[in-house]
Amino acid sequence: MLSKGDVFPAWEMVSDTGETIRSKDLENVRYVMYFYPRDSTPGCTTEAVEFSELYAKFTLRNIPVFGVSGDSTASHQKFRDNNGLKVKLLTDPDKEFAKTVGAFGEKMMYGKTVVGSIRSTFIIGKDGKVEEALYNVKAKGHAAKVFDLAMTHFKDVE
């Protein structure tokens, strides 16, 4: 798992539009990356819609938001189109990057230990370091909390 101050690992993923996005293209840009289990499920839809509702506020502050799951580009496109999503959705097909950042692994579900996606969010600073690492988050209301945290860091650093 990552903590505040850790360097966020380099990454390269394909988006819902088919473009390849790389962390190196985001140097000197603060961004949010959230990991979710699966397209078109109730909690994941709630989270993606709430981030999309705040898209303009994030964009005004030049803070891109990326949602990441193991779903395919085609699945992401359908998810985006069916829900009017504005955030970019990235594909991590083998969940290798999710494993690297601690967003996939052992977790408790209904009292049992299982292996799966761990709903997680990271705010990455302009210096490429983790400003916030949030694990096991609840979908509803999470986007607003992330925005508030990003604004705290925005004020501290800008």
Protein backbone atom coordinates (compact mmCIF):
# COMPACT_ATOMS: atom_id res chain seq x y z
CA MET A 1 0.00 0.00 0.00
CA LEU A 2 1.09 3.55 -0.70
CA SER A 3 1.22 6.38 1.82
CA LYS A 4 1.44 10.17 1.71
CA GLY A 5 4.80 11.23 0.38
CA ASP A 6 5.50 8.04 -1.59
CA VAL A 7 6.42 8.41 -5.25
CA PHE A 8 3.46 7.21 -7.30
CA PRO A 9 4.64 4.47 -9.67
CA ALA A 10 4.97 5.23 -13.38
CA TRP A 11 2.11 3.93 -15.49
CA GLU A 12 0.76 3.64 -19.01
CA MET A 13 -2.84 2.61 -19.77
CA VAL A 14 -5.38 2.81 -22.57
CA SER A 15 -8.42 5.03 -22.02
CA ASP A 16 -12.07 4.58 -22.93
CA THR A 17 -11.38 6.58 -26.11
CA GLY A 18 -8.54 4.27 -27.13
CA GLU A 19 -5.74 6.74 -26.46
CA THR A 20 -2.69 5.72 -24.47
CA ILE A 21 -2.18 7.87 -21.40
CA ARG A 22 1.11 7.87 -19.50
CA SER A 23 2.09 9.26 -16.13
CA LYS A 24 5.08 10.98 -17.76
CA ASP A 25 2.59 13.09 -19.76
CA LEU A 26 1.21 14.38 -16.45
CA GLU A 27 4.44 15.77 -15.04
CA ASN A 28 3.75 19.02 -13.15
CA VAL A 29 0.02 18.23 -13.09
CA ARG A 30 -1.92 17.26 -9.97
CA TYR A 31 -4.37 14.44 -10.75
CA VAL A 32 -6.76 11.99 -9.14
CA MET A 33 -6.76 8.28 -9.89
CA TYR A 34 -9.49 6.09 -8.45
CA PHE A 35 -9.72 2.32 -8.71
CA TYR A 36 -13.07 0.58 -8.85
CA PRO A 37 -14.07 -3.08 -9.26
CA ARG A 38 -16.26 -3.20 -12.36
CA ASP A 39 -18.13 -1.10 -14.92
CA SER A 40 -21.90 -0.78 -14.66
CA THR A 41 -22.30 -2.13 -11.13
CA PRO A 42 -24.30 -0.04 -8.64
CA GLY A 43 -21.46 1.23 -6.43
CA CYS A 44 -19.09 1.81 -9.32
CA THR A 45 -21.77 3.69 -11.26
CA THR A 46 -22.52 5.88 -8.24
CA GLU A 47 -18.84 6.70 -7.82
CA ALA A 48 -18.25 7.44 -11.52
CA VAL A 49 -21.37 9.59 -11.81
CA GLU A 50 -20.41 11.60 -8.71
CA PHE A 51 -16.88 12.19 -10.05
CA SER A 52 -18.43 13.24 -13.37
CA GLU A 53 -20.79 15.67 -11.60
CA LEU A 54 -17.69 17.34 -10.11
CA TYR A 55 -15.73 17.16 -13.38
CA ALA A 56 -16.06 20.90 -14.10
CA LYS A 57 -14.77 21.80 -10.63
CA PHE A 58 -11.77 19.51 -10.98
CA THR A 59 -11.12 20.77 -14.52
CA LEU A 60 -11.20 24.43 -13.43
CA ARG A 61 -8.28 23.62 -11.17
CA ASN A 62 -6.49 21.56 -13.86
CA ILE A 63 -6.92 18.31 -11.91
CA PRO A 64 -7.67 15.44 -14.30
CA VAL A 65 -9.62 12.52 -12.85
CA PHE A 66 -9.02 8.94 -14.01
CA GLY A 67 -11.08 5.89 -13.10
CA VAL A 68 -9.29 2.55 -13.40
CA SER A 69 -10.63 -1.00 -13.57
CA GLY A 70 -9.77 -4.24 -15.30
CA ASP A 71 -12.63 -3.84 -17.77
CA SER A 72 -11.99 -3.56 -21.51
CA THR A 73 -12.01 -0.36 -23.52
CA ALA A 74 -15.32 -1.44 -25.11
CA SER A 75 -16.84 -1.96 -21.65
CA HIS A 76 -15.56 1.46 -20.55
CA GLN A 77 -17.07 3.09 -23.64
CA LYS A 78 -20.47 1.53 -22.95
CA PHE A 79 -20.25 2.49 -19.25
CA ARG A 80 -19.31 6.07 -20.18
CA ASP A 81 -22.02 6.42 -22.82
CA ASN A 82 -24.81 4.83 -20.73
CA ASN A 83 -24.12 7.10 -17.76
CA GLY A 84 -22.91 10.34 -19.39
CA LEU A 85 -19.53 10.02 -17.67
CA LYS A 86 -16.98 12.78 -18.13
CA VAL A 87 -13.97 11.29 -16.36
CA LYS A 88 -11.47 9.24 -18.35
CA LEU A 89 -11.68 5.53 -17.72
CA LEU A 90 -8.45 3.56 -17.96
CA THR A 91 -8.00 -0.15 -18.58
CA ASP A 92 -5.76 -2.24 -16.32
CA PRO A 93 -6.63 -5.64 -17.85
CA ASP A 94 -4.45 -7.84 -15.66
CA LYS A 95 -4.89 -5.56 -12.64
CA GLU A 96 -1.10 -5.37 -12.47
CA PHE A 97 -1.04 -1.65 -11.76
CA ALA A 98 -3.84 -2.01 -9.21
CA LYS A 99 -1.71 -4.65 -7.46
CA THR A 100 1.31 -2.33 -7.56
CA VAL A 101 -0.54 0.47 -5.74
CA GLY A 102 -2.43 -1.81 -3.34
CA ALA A 103 -5.83 -1.48 -5.03
CA PHE A 104 -6.11 -5.21 -5.67
CA GLY A 105 -5.41 -7.96 -3.18
CA GLU A 106 -6.80 -9.56 -0.05
CA LYS A 107 -9.80 -7.91 1.55
CA MET A 108 -12.66 -8.80 3.84
CA MET A 109 -16.04 -9.35 2.22
CA TYR A 110 -19.02 -10.55 4.23
CA GLY A 111 -16.67 -11.74 6.96
CA LYS A 112 -14.47 -13.78 4.64
CA THR A 113 -11.02 -13.05 3.24
CA VAL A 114 -11.18 -12.81 -0.55
CA VAL A 115 -8.89 -11.53 -3.29
CA GLY A 116 -10.27 -8.74 -5.42
CA SER A 117 -10.41 -5.06 -6.22
CA ILE A 118 -10.03 -2.68 -3.31
CA ARG A 119 -11.90 0.56 -3.99
CA SER A 120 -9.05 3.07 -3.63
CA THR A 121 -8.25 6.66 -4.60
CA PHE A 122 -5.00 8.57 -4.90
CA ILE A 123 -4.35 12.28 -5.22
CA ILE A 124 -1.03 12.69 -6.98
CA GLY A 125 0.83 15.99 -6.62
CA LYS A 126 2.64 17.92 -9.32
CA ASP A 127 5.89 16.38 -8.03
CA GLY A 128 4.57 12.85 -8.69
CA LYS A 129 4.21 12.07 -5.00
CA VAL A 130 1.11 10.76 -3.26
CA GLU A 131 -0.73 13.57 -1.47
CA GLU A 132 -3.54 11.26 -0.32
CA ALA A 133 -3.91 7.46 -0.43
CA LEU A 134 -7.43 6.32 0.43
CA TYR A 135 -8.19 2.60 0.64
CA ASN A 136 -11.45 0.68 1.18
CA VAL A 137 -13.56 3.75 0.45
CA LYS A 138 -17.34 3.82 0.15
CA ALA A 139 -18.63 4.87 -3.26
CA LYS A 140 -21.43 7.23 -2.22
CA GLY A 141 -20.16 10.71 -1.37
CA HIS A 142 -16.54 9.77 -2.03
CA ALA A 143 -15.99 12.10 -4.99
CA ALA A 144 -16.94 15.16 -2.92
CA LYS A 145 -14.52 14.10 -0.17
CA VAL A 146 -11.74 13.70 -2.74
CA PHE A 147 -12.48 17.12 -4.19
CA ASP A 148 -12.30 18.70 -0.72
CA LEU A 149 -8.99 16.95 -0.02
CA ALA A 150 -7.60 18.05 -3.39
CA MET A 151 -8.57 21.63 -2.61
CA THR A 152 -6.76 21.45 0.74
CA HIS A 153 -3.59 20.42 -1.08
CA PHE A 154 -4.27 22.94 -3.84
CA LYS A 155 -4.27 25.75 -1.27
CA ASP A 156 -1.22 24.36 0.53
CA VAL A 157 0.94 24.07 -2.57
CA GLU A 158 -0.26 26.60 -5.14
